[in-house]
Amino acid sequence: MMSEIDYRNKLILAPMVRVGTLPMRLLALEYGADLVYTEEIIDWKLLRAERHTNEVLGTIDYIDTTDGTVVFRTCPEERGKVVLQIGTASVERAVAVGQMMQNDVAAIDVNMGCPKDFSIKGGMGVALLYDLPRAKAILDGLVKGVRIPVTCKIRVMTDLHETVELAKVLQSTGIKAIGVHGRTKTERPRDPVNEDAIARVANALHIPVIANGGSQSITRRNDILKFAKRCSTTSVMVARAAEWNCSVFRADGPLPLDDVIRRYLQLSVRYDNSPSNTKYCVQMMLRSLQESPIGRRLLDSQTMQQIWYDIWDMGDYCREMQLRYHFAGIKGRRACRPRTLSENDQPTVTDDNEPTANKKQCLQETPSDTDPDPLNEENICFIRSNFIDDNSLPKSKLYLHAIRNGLPRAQYEVQQKDKLFRAIIRFNGQRYSSSFWEKNKRYAEQAAALVCLLKRGVESRDDLIRNGAMLPDNNASAAVAAQVGKQSDLDDGRETNVEVKVRPMAEIC
């Protein structure tokens, strides 16, 4: 049965690269948006992802099988309101993505407006406007192949008549709405938006047209409605104005930026958002304030905890949530590893219910290890948020340990398999390495340094388990988890005394 969305009279968070992730989408809905679009996700990236039910976060995650990163994450709070925007130049890939994702998103939008070289060279984005047969075929395939609404987003062309005729052809495929950005492929945000062009398209079509590109004139909800009226539409997509202050959707007027950032950070921690993505979004909110003292501290930060401690003074909440997720068995970087090949050289499939601690973190072993120095291994991962400043990093500690004890400096060798890395340290006649594979060389070296520090008695095994760098064994897990202590309530910071391992996620949602 085909599901439906009424695209009329809607205020919408527009698709924005690196901004339209789950925390920002939830923030927009909380402030009054009716629909929220994901950032553009390229079709092949989704097709190499695996769907996982994340019971700890209460989310559905699509995980890149090559490096363990989250390609797309959604939750019940946005069900029926989240639109997946895909970048594609292939009917087959677009339909495959649509059929794979249709149970987890409300609709699919095809990006036909991105002017970036990456999209154009791949035949995606605005390139599709100049390859109308392919654009039409993609929409035809999706409309026939999925049970959810299909839309597309375009830019106006230099010839307005050509724009209208193109929009009519796209409408004929059976799509439910079309987003129109009122700038051409060569124009940029500083250029004025062509509201008349959007109106020409809106008046020529019988499906809803969603106006886009008016952020320069938008600072509050009433401005959005005025923009829609000038464009002869009833629906508007808001991009940069929402990126700057997502409370622009509020009927009662926008909130102070500091309040918006704090709420965004809460949602980022609650849904275990990537620290680099979170930092980027906060930078976009600060805009010109990036050069202020608060902005400089943000730019210098490397972890979520640094952001919370140094700027918003809520680091304890961040750390407690991260530890809680760790002890609840969250699937994250610990599940990343080079693919293990079977005898017929096919990637093996691991049971998603298998405890993370039992999953192999292995590389195809070399035939023999002829190195005379012993290899000491531990399954330790490097979590950047555990280290407040650079001086406390494991490599720095190991360097100081060598200086204080009159020992030669450690030597690092890094191995790579797929998109993962492992380092081996040679130090004082011994070799040290983590059996956990990291996603970059720097993290691999830091993890190996942690193993060396642990083996030399500089780091405590209990401390590494407590801060999430090591998985506890069955006997230790309950005892260590109990030490995490009280948990902060998500919404208003109230403390509870419920133990970490048994408290249902629903209680903090």
Protein backbone atom coordinates (compact mmCIF):
# COMPACT_ATOMS: atom_id res chain seq x y z
CA MET A 1 0.00 0.00 0.00
CA MET A 2 1.37 3.42 -1.00
CA SER A 3 1.93 5.84 1.87
CA GLU A 4 1.18 9.52 1.34
CA ILE A 5 2.46 12.90 2.45
CA ASP A 6 0.63 16.15 1.86
CA TYR A 7 3.38 18.51 0.76
CA ARG A 8 1.16 21.59 0.95
CA ASN A 9 1.49 24.11 3.80
CA LYS A 10 4.72 22.62 5.08
CA LEU A 11 7.76 24.22 6.71
CA ILE A 12 10.71 21.99 5.91
CA LEU A 13 14.33 21.60 6.96
CA ALA A 14 16.14 21.54 3.62
CA PRO A 15 18.79 18.93 2.78
CA MET A 16 22.22 20.19 3.83
CA VAL A 17 25.47 18.27 3.64
CA ARG A 18 26.91 17.52 7.11
CA VAL A 19 24.06 19.43 8.76
CA GLY A 20 21.00 17.25 8.14
CA THR A 21 22.00 14.47 10.53
CA LEU A 22 19.67 13.12 13.22
CA PRO A 23 20.29 15.71 16.00
CA MET A 24 19.60 18.67 13.71
CA ARG A 25 16.54 17.00 12.19
CA LEU A 26 15.09 16.35 15.64
CA LEU A 27 15.87 19.90 16.71
CA ALA A 28 14.01 21.28 13.68
CA LEU A 29 10.97 19.12 14.41
CA GLU A 30 11.06 20.18 18.05
CA TYR A 31 11.01 23.83 17.00
CA GLY A 32 8.12 23.47 14.57
CA ALA A 33 9.29 22.07 11.22
CA ASP A 34 6.76 19.76 9.57
CA LEU A 35 9.20 17.68 7.51
CA VAL A 36 12.97 17.23 7.67
CA TYR A 37 15.29 16.18 4.84
CA THR A 38 18.48 14.25 5.38
CA GLU A 39 21.75 15.45 3.99
CA GLU A 40 22.34 14.12 0.48
CA ILE A 41 23.61 10.54 0.71
CA ILE A 42 25.14 8.96 -2.39
CA ASP A 43 23.43 5.79 -3.57
CA TRP A 44 26.47 3.51 -3.54
CA LYS A 45 27.29 4.53 0.02
CA LEU A 46 23.88 3.38 1.18
CA LEU A 47 24.09 0.18 -0.85
CA ARG A 48 27.29 -0.90 0.91
CA ALA A 49 25.71 -0.24 4.32
CA GLU A 50 24.04 -2.77 6.60
CA ARG A 51 20.89 -2.09 8.58
CA HIS A 52 21.19 -2.53 12.35
CA THR A 53 18.68 -2.10 15.15
CA ASN A 54 20.50 -0.11 17.81
CA GLU A 55 18.72 -1.15 21.00
CA VAL A 56 20.89 1.07 23.18
CA LEU A 57 20.01 4.30 21.38
CA GLY A 58 16.59 3.20 20.19
CA THR A 59 17.55 3.92 16.59
CA ILE A 60 17.84 2.25 13.21
CA ASP A 61 21.40 2.57 11.91
CA TYR A 62 22.79 2.00 8.45
CA ILE A 63 26.46 1.18 9.00
CA ASP A 64 29.16 1.36 6.34
CA THR A 65 30.60 -2.15 6.23
CA THR A 66 34.05 -0.92 5.21
CA ASP A 67 34.79 1.43 8.10
CA GLY A 68 31.94 1.15 10.60
CA THR A 69 30.75 4.74 10.25
CA VAL A 70 27.06 5.58 10.51
CA VAL A 71 25.77 6.47 7.05
CA PHE A 72 22.21 7.14 8.23
CA ARG A 73 20.56 7.03 11.64
CA THR A 74 16.87 7.52 12.41
CA CYS A 75 14.58 7.15 15.41
CA PRO A 76 10.83 6.92 16.14
CA GLU A 77 10.57 10.66 16.91
CA GLU A 78 10.98 11.50 13.22
CA ARG A 79 9.03 8.59 11.80
CA GLY A 80 6.70 9.76 9.04
CA LYS A 81 8.55 13.08 8.81
CA VAL A 82 12.05 12.28 7.56
CA VAL A 83 12.75 12.43 3.83
CA LEU A 84 15.86 10.70 2.50
CA GLN A 85 17.65 12.69 -0.18
CA ILE A 86 19.85 10.59 -2.43
CA GLY A 87 22.52 11.50 -4.93
CA THR A 88 22.29 9.17 -7.92
CA ALA A 89 22.87 8.89 -11.64
CA SER A 90 21.58 5.32 -11.94
CA VAL A 91 18.03 4.01 -12.17
CA GLU A 92 19.07 0.61 -10.81
CA ARG A 93 20.96 1.98 -7.81
CA ALA A 94 18.25 4.53 -7.02
CA VAL A 95 15.53 1.86 -7.00
CA ALA A 96 17.70 -0.50 -4.95
CA VAL A 97 18.23 2.24 -2.35
CA GLY A 98 14.53 3.09 -2.32
CA GLN A 99 13.48 -0.50 -1.76
CA MET A 100 16.11 -0.97 0.94
CA MET A 101 15.16 2.21 2.83
CA GLN A 102 11.40 2.54 2.30
CA ASN A 103 10.45 1.07 5.67
CA ASP A 104 12.62 3.56 7.57
CA VAL A 105 11.92 6.88 5.83
CA ALA A 106 8.75 8.73 4.91
CA ALA A 107 9.76 9.64 1.36
CA ILE A 108 12.69 9.76 -1.06
CA ASP A 109 13.98 12.87 -2.78
CA VAL A 110 16.39 12.84 -5.71
CA ASN A 111 18.97 15.61 -5.67
CA MET A 112 18.90 17.38 -9.04
CA GLY A 113 20.18 20.72 -7.80
CA CYS A 114 23.66 20.26 -6.28
CA PRO A 115 26.16 22.37 -8.30
CA LYS A 116 29.32 20.87 -6.75
CA ASP A 117 31.93 19.34 -9.05
CA PHE A 118 31.73 16.00 -7.26
CA SER A 119 28.05 15.63 -8.14
CA ILE A 120 28.31 16.98 -11.67
CA LYS A 121 31.27 14.78 -12.64
CA GLY A 122 29.35 11.76 -11.39
CA GLY A 123 26.31 12.68 -13.45
CA MET A 124 24.38 13.57 -10.30
CA GLY A 125 22.88 16.75 -8.89
CA VAL A 126 22.35 19.57 -11.34
CA ALA A 127 23.89 17.45 -14.11
CA LEU A 128 20.58 15.58 -14.28
CA LEU A 129 18.81 18.76 -15.39
CA TYR A 130 20.93 18.63 -18.54
CA ASP A 131 20.30 14.89 -19.02
CA LEU A 132 16.51 14.90 -18.89
CA PRO A 133 16.00 11.30 -20.17
CA ARG A 134 18.14 9.96 -17.33
CA ALA A 135 16.45 12.21 -14.76
CA LYS A 136 13.02 11.10 -15.93
CA ALA A 137 14.04 7.43 -15.94
CA ILE A 138 15.31 7.65 -12.35
CA LEU A 139 12.06 9.20 -11.12
CA ASP A 140 9.97 6.76 -13.17
CA GLY A 141 11.86 3.83 -11.67
CA LEU A 142 11.47 5.08 -8.13
CA VAL A 143 7.78 5.95 -8.45
CA LYS A 144 7.05 2.46 -9.78
CA GLY A 145 9.50 0.66 -7.51
CA VAL A 146 8.77 1.96 -3.99
CA ARG A 147 5.73 2.29 -1.73
CA ILE A 148 6.60 5.76 -0.41
CA PRO A 149 6.32 9.20 -2.05
CA VAL A 150 9.07 10.33 -4.42
CA THR A 151 10.11 13.95 -4.98
CA CYS A 152 13.03 15.81 -6.51
CA LYS A 153 14.80 19.11 -5.91
CA ILE A 154 16.01 21.26 -8.79
CA ARG A 155 17.56 24.66 -9.50
CA VAL A 156 16.13 27.17 -11.92
CA MET A 157 17.79 27.45 -15.32
CA THR A 158 18.83 30.63 -17.09
CA ASP A 159 15.89 30.22 -19.48
CA LEU A 160 12.73 30.33 -17.32
CA HIS A 161 10.61 28.76 -20.06
CA GLU A 162 13.06 25.84 -20.15
CA THR A 163 12.79 25.55 -16.37
CA VAL A 164 8.99 25.32 -16.51
CA GLU A 165 9.02 22.75 -19.32
CA LEU A 166 11.60 20.63 -17.49
CA ALA A 167 9.52 20.73 -14.30
CA LYS A 168 6.47 19.57 -16.27
CA VAL A 169 8.38 16.58 -17.61
CA LEU A 170 9.53 15.65 -14.09
CA GLN A 171 5.97 16.08 -12.81
CA SER A 172 4.75 13.58 -15.44
CA THR A 173 6.66 10.76 -13.72
CA GLY A 174 4.20 10.76 -10.83
CA ILE A 175 6.33 12.49 -8.22
CA LYS A 176 4.38 14.07 -5.36
CA ALA A 177 6.20 17.42 -5.11
CA ILE A 178 9.17 19.31 -6.44
CA GLY A 179 11.57 21.58 -4.59
CA VAL A 180 12.81 24.59 -6.53
CA HIS A 181 15.93 26.52 -5.52
CA GLY A 182 15.67 29.97 -7.03
CA ARG A 183 19.27 30.19 -8.27
CA THR A 184 21.01 28.77 -11.31
CA LYS A 185 23.85 26.25 -11.14
CA THR A 186 26.47 29.03 -11.33
CA GLU A 187 24.89 31.31 -8.72
CA ARG A 188 25.84 31.17 -5.07
CA PRO A 189 24.10 32.09 -1.78
CA ARG A 190 25.27 35.72 -1.99
CA ASP A 191 23.37 36.11 -5.28
CA PRO A 192 19.71 37.18 -5.01
CA VAL A 193 17.14 34.39 -5.16
CA ASN A 194 14.81 34.50 -8.18
CA GLU A 195 11.42 34.41 -6.50
CA ASP A 196 9.60 35.11 -9.77
CA ALA A 197 11.15 32.01 -11.35
CA ILE A 198 9.92 29.84 -8.46
CA ALA A 199 6.46 31.40 -8.86
CA ARG A 200 6.45 30.65 -12.60
CA VAL A 201 7.09 26.97 -11.88
CA ALA A 202 4.55 26.87 -9.05
CA ASN A 203 1.80 28.36 -11.22
CA ALA A 204 2.52 25.93 -14.07
CA LEU A 205 2.36 22.67 -12.08
CA HIS A 206 -0.48 20.86 -10.36
CA ILE A 207 1.77 19.19 -7.74
CA PRO A 208 3.06 21.19 -4.75
CA VAL A 209 6.17 23.27 -5.33
CA ILE A 210 8.47 23.83 -2.36
CA ALA A 211 10.29 27.17 -2.49
CA ASN A 212 13.95 27.21 -1.50
CA GLY A 213 16.78 29.74 -1.39
CA GLY A 214 15.34 32.57 0.69
CA SER A 215 17.55 32.42 3.77
CA GLN A 216 18.95 35.90 3.22
CA SER A 217 15.51 37.33 4.08
CA ILE A 218 14.57 34.82 6.81
CA THR A 219 15.20 35.31 10.52
CA ARG A 220 11.88 34.06 11.95
CA ARG A 221 8.85 31.92 11.06
CA ASN A 222 6.83 34.84 9.70
CA ASP A 223 9.62 35.54 7.20
CA ILE A 224 9.29 31.99 5.91
CA LEU A 225 5.58 32.50 5.29
CA LYS A 226 6.24 35.81 3.49
CA PHE A 227 8.82 34.10 1.26
CA ALA A 228 6.30 31.40 0.37
CA LYS A 229 3.71 34.02 -0.57
CA ARG A 230 6.16 35.89 -2.81
CA CYS A 231 6.98 32.60 -4.54
CA SER A 232 3.30 31.62 -4.99
CA THR A 233 3.82 28.46 -2.94
CA THR A 234 2.50 27.25 0.39
CA SER A 235 5.59 25.27 1.38
CA VAL A 236 9.18 26.34 1.97
CA MET A 237 12.48 24.54 2.49
CA VAL A 238 14.80 26.44 4.83
CA ALA A 239 18.52 25.73 4.64
CA ARG A 240 21.07 28.27 5.89
CA ALA A 241 18.66 30.22 8.09
CA ALA A 242 17.89 26.96 9.92
CA GLU A 243 21.57 26.04 9.99
CA TRP A 244 22.32 29.36 11.72
CA ASN A 245 19.48 29.11 14.25
CA CYS A 246 17.16 26.14 13.98
CA SER A 247 14.55 27.83 16.18
CA VAL A 248 13.65 29.94 13.13
CA PHE A 249 10.72 27.50 12.78
CA ARG A 250 9.20 28.48 16.17
CA ALA A 251 5.79 30.13 16.09
CA ASP A 252 6.75 32.16 19.17
CA GLY A 253 9.94 33.50 17.62
CA PRO A 254 13.55 32.32 17.63
CA LEU A 255 15.41 31.45 20.82
CA PRO A 256 18.80 32.82 21.92
CA LEU A 257 21.56 31.03 20.04
CA ASP A 258 23.17 29.73 23.22
CA ASP A 259 19.94 27.92 24.15
CA VAL A 260 19.73 26.39 20.67
CA ILE A 261 23.33 25.18 20.79
CA ARG A 262 22.87 23.62 24.23
CA ARG A 263 19.80 21.72 23.08
CA TYR A 264 21.56 20.62 19.92
CA LEU A 265 24.50 19.31 21.97
CA GLN A 266 22.13 17.39 24.24
CA LEU A 267 20.61 15.66 21.24
CA SER A 268 24.07 14.99 19.80
CA VAL A 269 25.17 13.21 22.96
CA ARG A 270 21.83 11.44 23.36
CA TYR A 271 22.10 9.98 19.87
CA ASP A 272 25.87 9.41 19.92
CA ASN A 273 26.49 11.77 17.03
CA SER A 274 29.97 12.02 15.54
CA PRO A 275 32.02 14.64 17.46
CA SER A 276 33.44 16.06 14.23
CA ASN A 277 29.94 16.44 12.77
CA THR A 278 28.67 18.01 15.99
CA LYS A 279 31.57 20.47 16.07
CA TYR A 280 30.97 21.43 12.43
CA CYS A 281 27.28 22.16 13.05
CA VAL A 282 28.04 24.31 16.09
CA GLN A 283 30.62 26.22 14.05
CA MET A 284 27.96 26.91 11.43
CA MET A 285 25.66 28.23 14.15
CA LEU A 286 28.34 30.55 15.51
CA ARG A 287 29.15 32.03 12.08
CA SER A 288 31.00 35.32 12.69
CA LEU A 289 31.37 34.40 16.37
CA GLN A 290 33.93 31.77 15.37
CA GLU A 291 36.59 34.44 15.91
CA SER A 292 35.25 35.32 19.37
CA PRO A 293 36.78 33.73 22.50
CA ILE A 294 34.01 31.11 22.61
CA GLY A 295 34.48 30.41 18.92
CA ARG A 296 38.24 29.99 19.27
CA ARG A 297 37.78 27.54 22.13
CA LEU A 298 35.42 25.55 19.94
CA LEU A 299 37.88 25.50 17.04
CA ASP A 300 40.62 24.26 19.37
CA SER A 301 38.44 21.47 20.80
CA GLN A 302 38.88 17.89 19.59
CA THR A 303 36.23 15.99 21.56
CA MET A 304 32.66 16.32 22.71
CA GLN A 305 33.85 16.51 26.29
CA GLN A 306 36.14 19.42 25.51
CA ILE A 307 33.21 21.24 23.93
CA TRP A 308 31.03 20.60 26.96
CA TYR A 309 33.66 21.21 29.65
CA ASP A 310 35.46 24.19 28.16
CA ILE A 311 32.51 26.08 26.69
CA TRP A 312 29.14 24.93 28.00
CA ASP A 313 30.19 23.43 31.35
CA MET A 314 28.22 20.21 30.93
CA GLY A 315 31.06 17.71 30.53
CA ASP A 316 29.87 15.37 33.27
CA TYR A 317 26.63 14.76 31.38
CA CYS A 318 28.53 13.98 28.19
CA ARG A 319 30.94 11.58 29.87
CA GLU A 320 28.22 9.76 31.83
CA MET A 321 26.12 9.20 28.72
CA GLN A 322 29.09 7.91 26.75
CA LEU A 323 30.03 5.49 29.52
CA ARG A 324 26.47 4.38 29.91
CA TYR A 325 26.25 3.54 26.23
CA HIS A 326 29.54 1.69 26.41
CA PHE A 327 28.41 -0.56 29.24
CA ALA A 328 25.06 -1.13 27.57
CA GLY A 329 26.99 -2.66 24.67
CA ILE A 330 26.51 0.01 22.03
CA LYS A 331 27.56 -0.97 18.54
CA GLY A 332 30.08 1.55 17.37
CA ARG A 333 33.71 1.66 16.34
CA ARG A 334 34.42 -1.48 18.34
CA ALA A 335 32.50 -3.49 15.74
CA CYS A 336 34.75 -2.19 12.93
CA ARG A 337 37.40 -4.54 11.67
CA PRO A 338 38.97 -5.64 8.40
CA ARG A 339 36.68 -8.09 6.67
CA THR A 340 37.48 -11.67 7.60
CA LEU A 341 37.65 -13.82 4.49
CA SER A 342 36.35 -17.37 4.34
CA GLU A 343 38.10 -20.18 2.48
CA ASN A 344 36.47 -19.14 -0.81
CA ASP A 345 37.60 -15.51 -0.30
CA GLN A 346 34.06 -14.27 0.37
CA PRO A 347 33.40 -11.84 3.23
CA THR A 348 32.03 -13.77 6.17
CA VAL A 349 28.84 -12.63 7.90
CA THR A 350 28.84 -12.19 11.65
CA ASP A 351 25.76 -12.49 13.78
CA ASP A 352 24.61 -9.02 14.84
CA ASN A 353 23.51 -10.52 18.17
CA GLU A 354 27.00 -11.77 18.91
CA PRO A 355 28.58 -9.79 21.76
CA THR A 356 31.06 -7.23 20.49
CA ALA A 357 33.76 -8.63 22.77
CA ASN A 358 33.63 -11.95 20.90
CA LYS A 359 33.90 -10.50 17.41
CA LYS A 360 37.29 -11.01 15.82
CA GLN A 361 39.38 -7.95 15.17
CA CYS A 362 41.67 -9.75 12.80
CA LEU A 363 43.87 -9.28 9.78
CA GLN A 364 44.82 -12.18 7.54
CA GLU A 365 47.84 -13.31 9.47
CA THR A 366 51.27 -13.29 7.92
CA PRO A 367 52.71 -16.82 7.47
CA SER A 368 55.12 -16.42 10.35
CA ASP A 369 56.44 -13.83 12.74
CA THR A 370 60.21 -13.97 12.68
CA ASP A 371 60.76 -10.78 14.68
CA PRO A 372 62.86 -11.60 17.75
CA ASP A 373 61.08 -9.07 19.97
CA PRO A 374 57.94 -10.42 21.70
CA LEU A 375 54.57 -8.95 20.68
CA ASN A 376 52.29 -7.88 23.54
CA GLU A 377 48.64 -7.45 22.54
CA GLU A 378 45.48 -6.21 24.25
CA ASN A 379 42.06 -5.38 22.79
CA ILE A 380 42.15 -1.64 23.49
CA CYS A 381 40.62 1.17 21.45
CA PHE A 382 41.55 4.84 21.54
CA ILE A 383 38.63 7.12 22.48
CA ARG A 384 39.63 10.73 21.98
CA SER A 385 37.04 12.05 24.42
CA ASN A 386 38.92 10.42 27.31
CA PHE A 387 41.75 12.94 26.96
CA ILE A 388 41.09 16.57 27.78
CA ASP A 389 44.33 17.97 26.34
CA ASP A 390 47.17 16.86 24.09
CA ASN A 391 49.60 16.42 26.97
CA SER A 392 47.46 13.60 28.38
CA LEU A 393 47.42 11.60 25.14
CA PRO A 394 48.94 8.09 25.34
CA LYS A 395 51.80 8.88 22.93
CA SER A 396 52.71 11.93 25.02
CA LYS A 397 52.61 9.85 28.21
CA LEU A 398 54.80 7.18 26.65
CA TYR A 399 57.29 9.77 25.48
CA LEU A 400 57.55 11.24 29.00
CA HIS A 401 57.82 7.73 30.45
CA ALA A 402 60.80 7.04 28.20
CA ILE A 403 62.51 10.35 29.10
CA ARG A 404 62.02 9.86 32.83
CA ASN A 405 63.43 6.33 32.73
CA GLY A 406 66.30 7.03 30.35
CA LEU A 407 64.89 4.77 27.63
CA PRO A 408 64.97 5.20 23.85
CA ARG A 409 61.88 6.72 22.24
CA ALA A 410 59.19 4.35 20.94
CA GLN A 411 59.20 3.48 17.26
CA TYR A 412 55.85 3.15 15.46
CA GLU A 413 54.95 0.96 12.49
CA VAL A 414 51.43 1.17 11.03
CA GLN A 415 49.62 -1.56 9.08
CA GLN A 416 46.54 -0.96 6.93
CA LYS A 417 43.77 -3.32 5.83
CA ASP A 418 40.66 -2.09 4.02
CA LYS A 419 40.07 1.32 5.65
CA LEU A 420 41.37 0.33 9.09
CA PHE A 421 44.76 0.67 10.76
CA ARG A 422 46.81 -1.05 13.43
CA ALA A 423 50.09 0.16 14.87
CA ILE A 424 52.94 -1.85 16.37
CA ILE A 425 55.27 -0.09 18.82
CA ARG A 426 58.84 -1.20 19.37
CA PHE A 427 59.94 -0.08 22.82
CA ASN A 428 62.77 -1.26 25.06
CA GLY A 429 63.13 -4.67 23.41
CA GLN A 430 59.40 -5.42 23.27
CA ARG A 431 56.61 -4.86 20.73
CA TYR A 432 53.14 -3.66 21.64
CA SER A 433 49.92 -3.53 19.62
CA SER A 434 46.15 -3.42 20.01
CA SER A 435 44.11 -6.18 18.42
CA PHE A 436 41.45 -3.52 17.78
CA TRP A 437 41.77 -1.85 14.38
CA GLU A 438 41.32 1.91 14.27
CA LYS A 439 39.88 4.11 11.52
CA ASN A 440 42.99 6.28 11.11
CA LYS A 441 46.73 6.05 11.65
CA ARG A 442 46.86 8.51 14.53
CA TYR A 443 44.26 6.60 16.54
CA ALA A 444 46.06 3.31 15.83
CA GLU A 445 49.31 4.72 17.23
CA GLN A 446 47.52 6.07 20.32
CA ALA A 447 45.85 2.67 20.92
CA ALA A 448 49.20 0.88 20.67
CA ALA A 449 50.69 3.38 23.11
CA LEU A 450 47.87 2.57 25.55
CA VAL A 451 48.76 -1.12 25.33
CA CYS A 452 52.40 -0.29 26.06
CA LEU A 453 51.47 1.92 29.00
CA LEU A 454 49.18 -0.77 30.38
CA LYS A 455 51.82 -3.49 30.12
CA ARG A 456 54.41 -1.24 31.76
CA GLY A 457 52.10 -0.39 34.65
CA VAL A 458 51.63 3.28 33.75
CA GLU A 459 47.93 2.82 32.93
CA SER A 460 45.45 0.88 35.07
CA ARG A 461 43.33 -1.87 33.51
CA ASP A 462 40.40 -0.84 35.71
CA ASP A 463 40.69 2.76 34.51
CA LEU A 464 40.74 1.66 30.86
CA ILE A 465 37.63 -0.43 31.40
CA ARG A 466 35.95 2.38 33.30
CA ASN A 467 36.51 4.93 30.53
CA GLY A 468 35.48 2.54 27.77
CA ALA A 469 38.84 1.84 26.15
CA MET A 470 38.58 -1.84 27.05
CA LEU A 471 35.58 -4.11 27.27
CA PRO A 472 35.12 -5.56 30.74
CA ASP A 473 34.92 -9.29 31.24
CA ASN A 474 31.67 -10.73 32.57
CA ASN A 475 32.78 -10.60 36.19
CA ALA A 476 34.06 -7.05 36.04
CA SER A 477 31.33 -5.41 33.97
CA ALA A 478 28.72 -5.04 36.69
CA ALA A 479 31.19 -3.77 39.24
CA VAL A 480 32.73 -1.22 36.93
CA ALA A 481 29.40 -0.09 35.53
CA ALA A 482 28.17 0.57 39.04
CA GLN A 483 31.00 3.04 39.48
CA VAL A 484 29.73 5.20 36.66
CA GLY A 485 27.27 6.61 39.18
CA LYS A 486 24.27 8.79 38.74
CA GLN A 487 23.00 9.59 35.30
CA SER A 488 21.86 13.01 34.14
CA ASP A 489 18.35 13.36 32.79
CA LEU A 490 18.40 14.25 29.08
CA ASP A 491 15.95 17.08 29.09
CA ASP A 492 16.58 19.12 32.22
CA GLY A 493 19.74 17.80 33.92
CA ARG A 494 18.02 16.16 36.89
CA GLU A 495 19.93 13.30 38.47
CA THR A 496 18.63 9.80 39.11
CA ASN A 497 20.06 6.92 41.11
CA VAL A 498 19.06 4.14 38.73
CA GLU A 499 21.92 1.84 37.81
CA VAL A 500 23.40 2.29 34.38
CA LYS A 501 22.94 -1.22 33.04
CA VAL A 502 19.29 -1.73 33.80
CA ARG A 503 17.63 1.63 33.23
CA PRO A 504 15.44 1.48 30.09
CA MET A 505 16.33 3.95 27.35
CA ALA A 506 12.72 5.12 27.22
CA GLU A 507 13.16 6.81 30.60
CA ILE A 508 15.55 9.41 29.21
CA CYS A 509 13.97 9.98 25.79
